[in-house]
């Protein structure tokens, strides 16, 4: 969640996902690294998923087939499909949050939002 939100730069989602990450045991330092786009210190079994998530977001949800195949190679087809579903859900939330932020900015003549 944090890797995709970092790419999409949604402040509402960053706040929400940070709270969830803290609840699940990540330290503030680990969260800050993920939000800055740094995944170097992530657990080895999550590394491919995090790189894929960043790439997926950077390519506007349009990864090439090699990346999809690598994800399926490291994880199962079922788990890769679950990762894709979660990425789409996070993207939807990021897009809605960023749209709302821009709406607030426009209706408040720049006093709120963005």
PDB file of N, CA and C in Angstrom:
ATOM      1  N   UNK A   1       0.824  -1.191   0.000  1.00  0.00           N
ATOM      2  CA  UNK A   1       0.000   0.000   0.000  1.00  0.00           C
ATOM      3  C   UNK A   1       0.867   1.254   0.000  1.00  0.00           C
ATOM      4  N   UNK A   2       1.889   1.258   0.843  1.00  0.00           N
ATOM      5  CA  UNK A   2       2.744   2.439   0.948  1.00  0.00           C
ATOM      6  C   UNK A   2       3.564   2.669  -0.318  1.00  0.00           C
ATOM      7  N   UNK A   3       4.010   1.602  -0.959  1.00  0.00           N
ATOM      8  CA  UNK A   3       4.819   1.742  -2.176  1.00  0.00           C
ATOM      9  C   UNK A   3       4.011   2.379  -3.298  1.00  0.00           C
ATOM     10  N   UNK A   4       2.763   1.982  -3.466  1.00  0.00           N
ATOM     11  CA  UNK A   4       1.907   2.542  -4.512  1.00  0.00           C
ATOM     12  C   UNK A   4       1.501   3.963  -4.160  1.00  0.00           C
ATOM     13  N   UNK A   5       1.131   4.181  -2.908  1.00  0.00           N
ATOM     14  CA  UNK A   5       0.729   5.507  -2.463  1.00  0.00           C
ATOM     15  C   UNK A   5       1.870   6.506  -2.606  1.00  0.00           C
ATOM     16  N   UNK A   6       3.101   6.049  -2.396  1.00  0.00           N
ATOM     17  CA  UNK A   6       4.255   6.935  -2.562  1.00  0.00           C
ATOM     18  C   UNK A   6       4.365   7.404  -4.008  1.00  0.00           C
ATOM     19  N   UNK A   7       4.127   6.506  -4.942  1.00  0.00           N
ATOM     20  CA  UNK A   7       4.198   6.873  -6.360  1.00  0.00           C
ATOM     21  C   UNK A   7       3.043   7.809  -6.725  1.00  0.00           C
ATOM     22  N   UNK A   8       1.845   7.512  -6.238  1.00  0.00           N
ATOM     23  CA  UNK A   8       0.663   8.297  -6.590  1.00  0.00           C
ATOM     24  C   UNK A   8       0.514   9.573  -5.766  1.00  0.00           C
ATOM     25  N   UNK A   9       1.277   9.687  -4.695  1.00  0.00           N
ATOM     26  CA  UNK A   9       1.354  10.902  -3.873  1.00  0.00           C
ATOM     27  C   UNK A   9      -0.006  11.373  -3.368  1.00  0.00           C
ATOM     28  N   UNK A  10      -0.743  10.480  -2.741  1.00  0.00           N
ATOM     29  CA  UNK A  10      -2.031  10.837  -2.146  1.00  0.00           C
ATOM     30  C   UNK A  10      -1.847  11.029  -0.648  1.00  0.00           C
ATOM     31  N   UNK A  11      -2.037  12.251  -0.175  1.00  0.00           N
ATOM     32  CA  UNK A  11      -1.787  12.525   1.245  1.00  0.00           C
ATOM     33  C   UNK A  11      -2.781  11.830   2.165  1.00  0.00           C
ATOM     34  N   UNK A  12      -4.024  11.670   1.725  1.00  0.00           N
ATOM     35  CA  UNK A  12      -5.016  10.987   2.553  1.00  0.00           C
ATOM     36  C   UNK A  12      -4.649   9.509   2.705  1.00  0.00           C
ATOM     37  N   UNK A  13      -4.281   8.891   1.597  1.00  0.00           N
ATOM     38  CA  UNK A  13      -3.909   7.482   1.630  1.00  0.00           C
ATOM     39  C   UNK A  13      -2.607   7.277   2.405  1.00  0.00           C
ATOM     40  N   UNK A  14      -1.667   8.198   2.264  1.00  0.00           N
ATOM     41  CA  UNK A  14      -0.416   8.101   3.026  1.00  0.00           C
ATOM     42  C   UNK A  14      -0.704   8.077   4.513  1.00  0.00           C
ATOM     43  N   UNK A  15      -1.598   8.942   4.947  1.00  0.00           N
ATOM     44  CA  UNK A  15      -1.962   8.997   6.369  1.00  0.00           C
ATOM     45  C   UNK A  15      -2.627   7.684   6.802  1.00  0.00           C
ATOM     46  N   UNK A  16      -3.610   7.230   6.032  1.00  0.00           N
ATOM     47  CA  UNK A  16      -4.332   6.007   6.376  1.00  0.00           C
ATOM     48  C   UNK A  16      -3.404   4.791   6.383  1.00  0.00           C
ATOM     49  N   UNK A  17      -2.615   4.640   5.330  1.00  0.00           N
ATOM     50  CA  UNK A  17      -1.743   3.470   5.223  1.00  0.00           C
ATOM     51  C   UNK A  17      -0.632   3.502   6.271  1.00  0.00           C
ATOM     52  N   UNK A  18      -0.181   4.689   6.640  1.00  0.00           N
ATOM     53  CA  UNK A  18       0.818   4.802   7.711  1.00  0.00           C
ATOM     54  C   UNK A  18       0.237   4.291   9.020  1.00  0.00           C
ATOM     55  N   UNK A  19      -0.995   4.692   9.327  1.00  0.00           N
ATOM     56  CA  UNK A  19      -1.643   4.195  10.551  1.00  0.00           C
ATOM     57  C   UNK A  19      -1.753   2.671  10.535  1.00  0.00           C
ATOM     58  N   UNK A  20      -2.148   2.118   9.389  1.00  0.00           N
ATOM     59  CA  UNK A  20      -2.292   0.669   9.276  1.00  0.00           C
ATOM     60  C   UNK A  20      -0.942  -0.033   9.411  1.00  0.00           C
ATOM     61  N   UNK A  21       0.084   0.544   8.815  1.00  0.00           N
ATOM     62  CA  UNK A  21       1.424  -0.049   8.890  1.00  0.00           C
ATOM     63  C   UNK A  21       1.954  -0.029  10.321  1.00  0.00           C
ATOM     64  N   UNK A  22       1.714   1.058  11.033  1.00  0.00           N
ATOM     65  CA  UNK A  22       2.128   1.127  12.444  1.00  0.00           C
ATOM     66  C   UNK A  22       1.410   0.061  13.264  1.00  0.00           C
ATOM     67  N   UNK A  23       0.112  -0.115  13.002  1.00  0.00           N
ATOM     68  CA  UNK A  23      -0.668  -1.141  13.713  1.00  0.00           C
ATOM     69  C   UNK A  23      -0.135  -2.543  13.429  1.00  0.00           C
ATOM     70  N   UNK A  24       0.378  -2.756  12.214  1.00  0.00           N
ATOM     71  CA  UNK A  24       0.855  -4.093  11.854  1.00  0.00           C
ATOM     72  C   UNK A  24       2.306  -4.331  12.263  1.00  0.00           C
ATOM     73  N   UNK A  25       2.936  -3.324  12.896  1.00  0.00           N
ATOM     74  CA  UNK A  25       4.258  -3.547  13.460  1.00  0.00           C
ATOM     75  C   UNK A  25       5.429  -2.897  12.754  1.00  0.00           C
ATOM     76  N   UNK A  26       5.198  -2.176  11.669  1.00  0.00           N
ATOM     77  CA  UNK A  26       6.310  -1.480  11.022  1.00  0.00           C
ATOM     78  C   UNK A  26       6.732  -0.282  11.868  1.00  0.00           C
ATOM     79  N   UNK A  27       8.004   0.001  11.854  1.00  0.00           N
ATOM     80  CA  UNK A  27       8.497   1.175  12.581  1.00  0.00           C
ATOM     81  C   UNK A  27       8.285   2.426  11.729  1.00  0.00           C
ATOM     82  N   UNK A  28       8.328   3.588  12.371  1.00  0.00           N
ATOM     83  CA  UNK A  28       8.179   4.837  11.622  1.00  0.00           C
ATOM     84  C   UNK A  28       9.293   4.983  10.589  1.00  0.00           C
ATOM     85  N   UNK A  29      10.486   4.506  10.949  1.00  0.00           N
ATOM     86  CA  UNK A  29      11.615   4.573  10.012  1.00  0.00           C
ATOM     87  C   UNK A  29      11.339   3.731   8.757  1.00  0.00           C
ATOM     88  N   UNK A  30      10.813   2.518   8.942  1.00  0.00           N
ATOM     89  CA  UNK A  30      10.483   1.659   7.797  1.00  0.00           C
ATOM     90  C   UNK A  30       9.409   2.307   6.927  1.00  0.00           C
ATOM     91  N   UNK A  31       8.428   2.916   7.567  1.00  0.00           N
ATOM     92  CA  UNK A  31       7.346   3.580   6.837  1.00  0.00           C
ATOM     93  C   UNK A  31       7.891   4.759   6.040  1.00  0.00           C
ATOM     94  N   UNK A  32       8.731   5.554   6.684  1.00  0.00           N
ATOM     95  CA  UNK A  32       9.325   6.712   6.000  1.00  0.00           C
ATOM     96  C   UNK A  32      10.132   6.280   4.777  1.00  0.00           C
ATOM     97  N   UNK A  33      10.854   5.172   4.911  1.00  0.00           N
ATOM     98  CA  UNK A  33      11.631   4.666   3.776  1.00  0.00           C
ATOM     99  C   UNK A  33      10.709   4.264   2.626  1.00  0.00           C
ATOM    100  N   UNK A  34       9.635   3.542   2.942  1.00  0.00           N
ATOM    101  CA  UNK A  34       8.700   3.122   1.899  1.00  0.00           C
ATOM    102  C   UNK A  34       8.035   4.320   1.228  1.00  0.00           C
ATOM    103  N   UNK A  35       7.650   5.313   2.024  1.00  0.00           N
ATOM    104  CA  UNK A  35       7.006   6.496   1.454  1.00  0.00           C
ATOM    105  C   UNK A  35       7.964   7.338   0.623  1.00  0.00           C
ATOM    106  N   UNK A  36       9.263   7.170   0.860  1.00  0.00           N
ATOM    107  CA  UNK A  36      10.240   7.886   0.046  1.00  0.00           C
ATOM    108  C   UNK A  36      10.612   7.085  -1.206  1.00  0.00           C
ATOM    109  N   UNK A  37      10.039   5.884  -1.337  1.00  0.00           N
ATOM    110  CA  UNK A  37      10.318   5.047  -2.493  1.00  0.00           C
ATOM    111  C   UNK A  37      11.466   4.084  -2.290  1.00  0.00           C
ATOM    112  N   UNK A  38      12.019   4.036  -1.094  1.00  0.00           N
ATOM    113  CA  UNK A  38      13.162   3.173  -0.796  1.00  0.00           C
ATOM    114  C   UNK A  38      12.670   1.843  -0.232  1.00  0.00           C
ATOM    115  N   UNK A  39      12.916   0.769  -0.961  1.00  0.00           N
ATOM    116  CA  UNK A  39      12.493  -0.556  -0.495  1.00  0.00           C
ATOM    117  C   UNK A  39      13.688  -1.464  -0.214  1.00  0.00           C
ATOM    118  N   UNK A  40      14.852  -0.873  -0.100  1.00  0.00           N
ATOM    119  CA  UNK A  40      16.083  -1.653   0.069  1.00  0.00           C
ATOM    120  C   UNK A  40      16.085  -2.513   1.329  1.00  0.00           C
ATOM    121  N   UNK A  41      15.414  -2.077   2.372  1.00  0.00           N
ATOM    122  CA  UNK A  41      15.448  -2.807   3.649  1.00  0.00           C
ATOM    123  C   UNK A  41      14.210  -3.668   3.879  1.00  0.00           C
ATOM    124  N   UNK A  42      13.453  -3.946   2.840  1.00  0.00           N
ATOM    125  CA  UNK A  42      12.239  -4.739   3.032  1.00  0.00           C
ATOM    126  C   UNK A  42      12.583  -6.225   3.156  1.00  0.00           C
ATOM    127  N   UNK A  43      11.667  -6.993   3.736  1.00  0.00           N
ATOM    128  CA  UNK A  43      11.904  -8.440   3.830  1.00  0.00           C
ATOM    129  C   UNK A  43      12.095  -9.061   2.445  1.00  0.00           C
ATOM    130  N   UNK A  44      12.994 -10.012   2.362  1.00  0.00           N
ATOM    131  CA  UNK A  44      13.353 -10.626   1.076  1.00  0.00           C
ATOM    132  C   UNK A  44      12.147 -11.222   0.356  1.00  0.00           C
ATOM    133  N   UNK A  45      11.229 -11.844   1.109  1.00  0.00           N
ATOM    134  CA  UNK A  45      10.070 -12.483   0.484  1.00  0.00           C
ATOM    135  C   UNK A  45       9.038 -11.470  -0.032  1.00  0.00           C
ATOM    136  N   UNK A  46       9.201 -10.186   0.304  1.00  0.00           N
ATOM    137  CA  UNK A  46       8.289  -9.142  -0.173  1.00  0.00           C
ATOM    138  C   UNK A  46       8.922  -8.258  -1.245  1.00  0.00           C
ATOM    139  N   UNK A  47      10.208  -8.427  -1.485  1.00  0.00           N
ATOM    140  CA  UNK A  47      10.949  -7.520  -2.360  1.00  0.00           C
ATOM    141  C   UNK A  47      10.373  -7.460  -3.780  1.00  0.00           C
ATOM    142  N   UNK A  48      10.133  -8.601  -4.388  1.00  0.00           N
ATOM    143  CA  UNK A  48       9.620  -8.631  -5.764  1.00  0.00           C
ATOM    144  C   UNK A  48       8.241  -7.980  -5.823  1.00  0.00           C
ATOM    145  N   UNK A  49       7.405  -8.257  -4.841  1.00  0.00           N
ATOM    146  CA  UNK A  49       6.062  -7.660  -4.820  1.00  0.00           C
ATOM    147  C   UNK A  49       6.137  -6.138  -4.697  1.00  0.00           C
ATOM    148  N   UNK A  50       7.046  -5.642  -3.882  1.00  0.00           N
ATOM    149  CA  UNK A  50       7.179  -4.192  -3.713  1.00  0.00           C
ATOM    150  C   UNK A  50       7.738  -3.522  -4.959  1.00  0.00           C
ATOM    151  N   UNK A  51       8.728  -4.148  -5.573  1.00  0.00           N
ATOM    152  CA  UNK A  51       9.267  -3.587  -6.830  1.00  0.00           C
ATOM    153  C   UNK A  51       8.170  -3.594  -7.899  1.00  0.00           C
ATOM    154  N   UNK A  52       7.417  -4.670  -7.956  1.00  0.00           N
ATOM    155  CA  UNK A  52       6.334  -4.762  -8.929  1.00  0.00           C
ATOM    156  C   UNK A  52       5.287  -3.689  -8.652  1.00  0.00           C
ATOM    157  N   UNK A  53       4.931  -3.495  -7.387  1.00  0.00           N
ATOM    158  CA  UNK A  53       3.930  -2.487  -7.026  1.00  0.00           C
ATOM    159  C   UNK A  53       4.373  -1.089  -7.458  1.00  0.00           C
ATOM    160  N   UNK A  54       5.627  -0.762  -7.197  1.00  0.00           N
ATOM    161  CA  UNK A  54       6.140   0.545  -7.629  1.00  0.00           C
ATOM    162  C   UNK A  54       6.089   0.669  -9.151  1.00  0.00           C
ATOM    163  N   UNK A  55       6.567  -0.347  -9.833  1.00  0.00           N
ATOM    164  CA  UNK A  55       6.590  -0.336 -11.302  1.00  0.00           C
ATOM    165  C   UNK A  55       5.174  -0.252 -11.857  1.00  0.00           C
ATOM    166  N   UNK A  56       4.264  -1.003 -11.272  1.00  0.00           N
ATOM    167  CA  UNK A  56       2.863  -1.021 -11.681  1.00  0.00           C
ATOM    168  C   UNK A  56       2.276   0.379 -11.593  1.00  0.00           C
ATOM    169  N   UNK A  57       2.548   1.069 -10.484  1.00  0.00           N
ATOM    170  CA  UNK A  57       2.032   2.426 -10.307  1.00  0.00           C
ATOM    171  C   UNK A  57       2.707   3.401 -11.268  1.00  0.00           C
ATOM    172  N   UNK A  58       4.012   3.260 -11.446  1.00  0.00           N
ATOM    173  CA  UNK A  58       4.755   4.168 -12.338  1.00  0.00           C
ATOM    174  C   UNK A  58       4.340   4.015 -13.799  1.00  0.00           C
ATOM    175  N   UNK A  59       3.881   2.823 -14.178  1.00  0.00           N
ATOM    176  CA  UNK A  59       3.457   2.591 -15.560  1.00  0.00           C
ATOM    177  C   UNK A  59       1.959   2.811 -15.736  1.00  0.00           C
ATOM    178  N   UNK A  60       1.358   3.482 -14.763  1.00  0.00           N
ATOM    179  CA  UNK A  60      -0.073   3.788 -14.837  1.00  0.00           C
ATOM    180  C   UNK A  60      -0.913   2.517 -14.956  1.00  0.00           C
ATOM    181  N   UNK A  61      -0.576   1.540 -14.123  1.00  0.00           N
ATOM    182  CA  UNK A  61      -1.289   0.256 -14.054  1.00  0.00           C
ATOM    183  C   UNK A  61      -1.180  -0.548 -15.344  1.00  0.00           C
ATOM    184  N   UNK A  62      -0.058  -0.388 -16.038  1.00  0.00           N
ATOM    185  CA  UNK A  62       0.125  -1.084 -17.311  1.00  0.00           C
ATOM    186  C   UNK A  62       1.521  -1.713 -17.385  1.00  0.00           C
ATOM    187  N   UNK A  63       1.802  -2.685 -16.514  1.00  0.00           N
ATOM    188  CA  UNK A  63       3.131  -3.300 -16.525  1.00  0.00           C
ATOM    189  C   UNK A  63       3.321  -4.177 -17.759  1.00  0.00           C
ATOM    190  N   UNK A  64       4.569  -4.346 -18.170  1.00  0.00           N
ATOM    191  CA  UNK A  64       4.814  -5.223 -19.315  1.00  0.00           C
ATOM    192  C   UNK A  64       4.702  -6.685 -18.885  1.00  0.00           C
ATOM    193  N   UNK A  65       4.596  -7.554 -19.860  1.00  0.00           N
ATOM    194  CA  UNK A  65       4.360  -8.977 -19.582  1.00  0.00           C
ATOM    195  C   UNK A  65       5.531  -9.618 -18.836  1.00  0.00           C
ATOM    196  N   UNK A  66       6.754  -9.148 -19.051  1.00  0.00           N
ATOM    197  CA  UNK A  66       7.901  -9.700 -18.335  1.00  0.00           C
ATOM    198  C   UNK A  66       7.764  -9.486 -16.827  1.00  0.00           C
ATOM    199  N   UNK A  67       7.301  -8.298 -16.440  1.00  0.00           N
ATOM    200  CA  UNK A  67       7.126  -8.009 -15.013  1.00  0.00           C
ATOM    201  C   UNK A  67       6.024  -8.878 -14.413  1.00  0.00           C
ATOM    202  N   UNK A  68       4.935  -9.034 -15.141  1.00  0.00           N
ATOM    203  CA  UNK A  68       3.831  -9.885 -14.670  1.00  0.00           C
ATOM    204  C   UNK A  68       4.302 -11.325 -14.534  1.00  0.00           C
ATOM    205  N   UNK A  69       5.047 -11.797 -15.514  1.00  0.00           N
ATOM    206  CA  UNK A  69       5.556 -13.172 -15.467  1.00  0.00           C
ATOM    207  C   UNK A  69       6.511 -13.377 -14.302  1.00  0.00           C
ATOM    208  N   UNK A  70       7.349 -12.392 -14.012  1.00  0.00           N
ATOM    209  CA  UNK A  70       8.283 -12.488 -12.885  1.00  0.00           C
ATOM    210  C   UNK A  70       7.501 -12.569 -11.574  1.00  0.00           C
ATOM    211  N   UNK A  71       6.441 -11.761 -11.459  1.00  0.00           N
ATOM    212  CA  UNK A  71       5.606 -11.804 -10.260  1.00  0.00           C
ATOM    213  C   UNK A  71       5.006 -13.192 -10.077  1.00  0.00           C
ATOM    214  N   UNK A  72       4.504 -13.772 -11.158  1.00  0.00           N
ATOM    215  CA  UNK A  72       3.891 -15.105 -11.094  1.00  0.00           C
ATOM    216  C   UNK A  72       4.931 -16.194 -10.857  1.00  0.00           C
ATOM    217  N   UNK A  73       6.141 -15.954 -11.301  1.00  0.00           N
ATOM    218  CA  UNK A  73       7.227 -16.916 -11.101  1.00  0.00           C
ATOM    219  C   UNK A  73       7.631 -16.980  -9.617  1.00  0.00           C
ATOM    220  N   UNK A  74       7.682 -15.827  -8.986  1.00  0.00           N
ATOM    221  CA  UNK A  74       8.110 -15.758  -7.583  1.00  0.00           C
ATOM    222  C   UNK A  74       6.984 -16.173  -6.642  1.00  0.00           C
ATOM    223  N   UNK A  75       5.778 -15.753  -6.956  1.00  0.00           N
ATOM    224  CA  UNK A  75       4.607 -16.097  -6.154  1.00  0.00           C
ATOM    225  C   UNK A  75       3.746 -17.030  -6.991  1.00  0.00           C
ATOM    226  N   UNK A  76       2.664 -17.488  -6.510  1.00  0.00           N
ATOM    227  CA  UNK A  76       1.764 -18.333  -7.302  1.00  0.00           C
ATOM    228  C   UNK A  76       0.884 -17.449  -8.184  1.00  0.00           C
ATOM    229  N   UNK A  77       0.219 -18.064  -9.164  1.00  0.00           N
ATOM    230  CA  UNK A  77      -0.729 -17.321  -9.998  1.00  0.00           C
ATOM    231  C   UNK A  77      -1.804 -16.682  -9.126  1.00  0.00           C
ATOM    232  N   UNK A  78      -2.282 -17.450  -8.164  1.00  0.00           N
ATOM    233  CA  UNK A  78      -3.343 -16.968  -7.274  1.00  0.00           C
ATOM    234  C   UNK A  78      -2.875 -15.761  -6.457  1.00  0.00           C
ATOM    235  N   UNK A  79      -1.673 -15.832  -5.912  1.00  0.00           N
ATOM    236  CA  UNK A  79      -1.148 -14.722  -5.121  1.00  0.00           C
ATOM    237  C   UNK A  79      -0.862 -13.514  -6.004  1.00  0.00           C
ATOM    238  N   UNK A  80      -0.371 -13.741  -7.210  1.00  0.00           N
ATOM    239  CA  UNK A  80      -0.126 -12.641  -8.152  1.00  0.00           C
ATOM    240  C   UNK A  80      -1.435 -11.933  -8.503  1.00  0.00           C
ATOM    241  N   UNK A  81      -2.501 -12.700  -8.692  1.00  0.00           N
ATOM    242  CA  UNK A  81      -3.811 -12.110  -8.965  1.00  0.00           C
ATOM    243  C   UNK A  81      -4.305 -11.300  -7.774  1.00  0.00           C
ATOM    244  N   UNK A  82      -4.059 -11.791  -6.561  1.00  0.00           N
ATOM    245  CA  UNK A  82      -4.450 -11.051  -5.354  1.00  0.00           C
ATOM    246  C   UNK A  82      -3.663  -9.747  -5.254  1.00  0.00           C
ATOM    247  N   UNK A  83      -2.379  -9.791  -5.578  1.00  0.00           N
ATOM    248  CA  UNK A  83      -1.554  -8.577  -5.561  1.00  0.00           C
ATOM    249  C   UNK A  83      -2.100  -7.577  -6.568  1.00  0.00           C
ATOM    250  N   UNK A  84      -2.434  -8.031  -7.760  1.00  0.00           N
ATOM    251  CA  UNK A  84      -3.014  -7.147  -8.784  1.00  0.00           C
ATOM    252  C   UNK A  84      -4.318  -6.519  -8.298  1.00  0.00           C
ATOM    253  N   UNK A  85      -5.171  -7.294  -7.673  1.00  0.00           N
ATOM    254  CA  UNK A  85      -6.446  -6.792  -7.169  1.00  0.00           C
ATOM    255  C   UNK A  85      -6.209  -5.704  -6.115  1.00  0.00           C
ATOM    256  N   UNK A  86      -5.298  -5.964  -5.207  1.00  0.00           N
ATOM    257  CA  UNK A  86      -4.992  -4.981  -4.160  1.00  0.00           C
ATOM    258  C   UNK A  86      -4.412  -3.709  -4.778  1.00  0.00           C
ATOM    259  N   UNK A  87      -3.548  -3.865  -5.767  1.00  0.00           N
ATOM    260  CA  UNK A  87      -2.984  -2.690  -6.437  1.00  0.00           C
ATOM    261  C   UNK A  87      -4.073  -1.846  -7.087  1.00  0.00           C
ATOM    262  N   UNK A  88      -5.040  -2.492  -7.709  1.00  0.00           N
ATOM    263  CA  UNK A  88      -6.147  -1.744  -8.330  1.00  0.00           C
ATOM    264  C   UNK A  88      -6.979  -1.022  -7.277  1.00  0.00           C
ATOM    265  N   UNK A  89      -7.210  -1.674  -6.143  1.00  0.00           N
ATOM    266  CA  UNK A  89      -7.979  -1.043  -5.071  1.00  0.00           C
ATOM    267  C   UNK A  89      -7.239   0.176  -4.512  1.00  0.00           C
ATOM    268  N   UNK A  90      -5.939   0.040  -4.301  1.00  0.00           N
ATOM    269  CA  UNK A  90      -5.148   1.151  -3.781  1.00  0.00           C
ATOM    270  C   UNK A  90      -5.137   2.295  -4.793  1.00  0.00           C
ATOM    271  N   UNK A  91      -4.972   1.970  -6.046  1.00  0.00           N
ATOM    272  CA  UNK A  91      -4.974   3.002  -7.098  1.00  0.00           C
ATOM    273  C   UNK A  91      -6.291   3.764  -7.099  1.00  0.00           C
ATOM    274  N   UNK A  92      -7.398   3.044  -6.986  1.00  0.00           N
ATOM    275  CA  UNK A  92      -8.717   3.687  -6.965  1.00  0.00           C
ATOM    276  C   UNK A  92      -8.800   4.665  -5.784  1.00  0.00           C
ATOM    277  N   UNK A  93      -8.347   4.226  -4.626  1.00  0.00           N
ATOM    278  CA  UNK A  93      -8.350   5.108  -3.459  1.00  0.00           C
ATOM    279  C   UNK A  93      -7.460   6.318  -3.656  1.00  0.00           C
ATOM    280  N   UNK A  94      -6.266   6.105  -4.222  1.00  0.00           N
ATOM    281  CA  UNK A  94      -5.347   7.223  -4.488  1.00  0.00           C
ATOM    282  C   UNK A  94      -5.961   8.222  -5.463  1.00  0.00           C
ATOM    283  N   UNK A  95      -6.564   7.721  -6.518  1.00  0.00           N
ATOM    284  CA  UNK A  95      -7.173   8.617  -7.505  1.00  0.00           C
ATOM    285  C   UNK A  95      -8.329   9.404  -6.900  1.00  0.00           C
ATOM    286  N   UNK A  96      -9.131   8.750  -6.075  1.00  0.00           N
ATOM    287  CA  UNK A  96     -10.242   9.457  -5.434  1.00  0.00           C
ATOM    288  C   UNK A  96      -9.726  10.503  -4.447  1.00  0.00           C
ATOM    289  N   UNK A  97      -8.697  10.142  -3.672  1.00  0.00           N
ATOM    290  CA  UNK A  97      -8.135  11.086  -2.720  1.00  0.00           C
ATOM    291  C   UNK A  97      -7.525  12.289  -3.398  1.00  0.00           C
ATOM    292  N   UNK A  98      -6.773  12.060  -4.466  1.00  0.00           N
ATOM    293  CA  UNK A  98      -6.153  13.170  -5.189  1.00  0.00           C
ATOM    294  C   UNK A  98      -7.201  14.038  -5.889  1.00  0.00           C
ATOM    295  N   UNK A  99      -8.258  13.417  -6.402  1.00  0.00           N
ATOM    296  CA  UNK A  99      -9.338  14.175  -7.028  1.00  0.00           C
ATOM    297  C   UNK A  99     -10.046  15.042  -5.986  1.00  0.00           C
ATOM    298  N   UNK A 100     -10.330  14.491  -4.833  1.00  0.00           N
ATOM    299  CA  UNK A 100     -10.966  15.241  -3.753  1.00  0.00           C
ATOM    300  C   UNK A 100     -10.076  16.408  -3.320  1.00  0.00           C
ATOM    301  N   UNK A 101      -8.798  16.157  -3.201  1.00  0.00           N
ATOM    302  CA  UNK A 101      -7.862  17.206  -2.798  1.00  0.00           C
ATOM    303  C   UNK A 101      -7.869  18.355  -3.815  1.00  0.00           C
ATOM    304  N   UNK A 102      -7.871  18.013  -5.089  1.00  0.00           N
ATOM    305  CA  UNK A 102      -7.894  19.050  -6.119  1.00  0.00           C
ATOM    306  C   UNK A 102      -9.222  19.802  -6.097  1.00  0.00           C
ATOM    307  N   UNK A 103     -10.309  19.092  -5.876  1.00  0.00           N
ATOM    308  CA  UNK A 103     -11.628  19.729  -5.765  1.00  0.00           C
ATOM    309  C   UNK A 103     -11.618  20.748  -4.622  1.00  0.00           C
ATOM    310  N   UNK A 104     -11.115  20.357  -3.449  1.00  0.00           N
ATOM    311  CA  UNK A 104     -11.028  21.281  -2.317  1.00  0.00           C
ATOM    312  C   UNK A 104     -10.194  22.506  -2.665  1.00  0.00           C
ATOM    313  N   UNK A 105      -9.106  22.272  -3.351  1.00  0.00           N
ATOM    314  CA  UNK A 105      -8.226  23.362  -3.761  1.00  0.00           C
ATOM    315  C   UNK A 105      -8.969  24.359  -4.651  1.00  0.00           C
ATOM    316  N   UNK A 106      -9.703  23.836  -5.618  1.00  0.00           N
ATOM    317  CA  UNK A 106     -10.400  24.704  -6.574  1.00  0.00           C
ATOM    318  C   UNK A 106     -11.557  25.471  -5.911  1.00  0.00           C
ATOM    319  N   UNK A 107     -12.374  24.789  -5.108  1.00  0.00           N
ATOM    320  CA  UNK A 107     -13.534  25.476  -4.515  1.00  0.00           C
ATOM    321  C   UNK A 107     -13.133  26.436  -3.402  1.00  0.00           C
ATOM    322  N   UNK A 108     -11.958  26.251  -2.824  1.00  0.00           N
ATOM    323  CA  UNK A 108     -11.509  27.156  -1.750  1.00  0.00           C
ATOM    324  C   UNK A 108     -10.559  28.232  -2.280  1.00  0.00           C
ATOM    325  N   UNK A 109     -10.403  28.291  -3.603  1.00  0.00           N
ATOM    326  CA  UNK A 109      -9.503  29.256  -4.237  1.00  0.00           C
ATOM    327  C   UNK A 109      -8.082  29.134  -3.697  1.00  0.00           C
ATOM    328  N   UNK A 110      -7.664  27.867  -3.514  1.00  0.00           N
ATOM    329  CA  UNK A 110      -6.287  27.586  -3.133  1.00  0.00           C
ATOM    330  C   UNK A 110      -6.003  27.571  -1.639  1.00  0.00           C
ATOM    331  N   UNK A 111      -7.009  27.757  -0.808  1.00  0.00           N
ATOM    332  CA  UNK A 111      -6.772  27.758   0.651  1.00  0.00           C
ATOM    333  C   UNK A 111      -6.750  26.350   1.236  1.00  0.00           C
ATOM    334  N   UNK A 112      -7.423  25.407   0.604  1.00  0.00           N
ATOM    335  CA  UNK A 112      -7.476  24.028   1.088  1.00  0.00           C
ATOM    336  C   UNK A 112      -6.962  23.093   0.002  1.00  0.00           C
ATOM    337  N   UNK A 113      -6.680  21.880   0.378  1.00  0.00           N
ATOM    338  CA  UNK A 113      -6.261  20.880  -0.601  1.00  0.00           C
ATOM    339  C   UNK A 113      -4.835  21.052  -1.039  1.00  0.00           C
ATOM    340  N   UNK A 114      -4.547  20.453  -2.181  1.00  0.00           N
ATOM    341  CA  UNK A 114      -3.210  20.392  -2.775  1.00  0.00           C
ATOM    342  C   UNK A 114      -2.278  21.212  -2.014  1.00  0.00           C
TER     343      UNK A 114
END
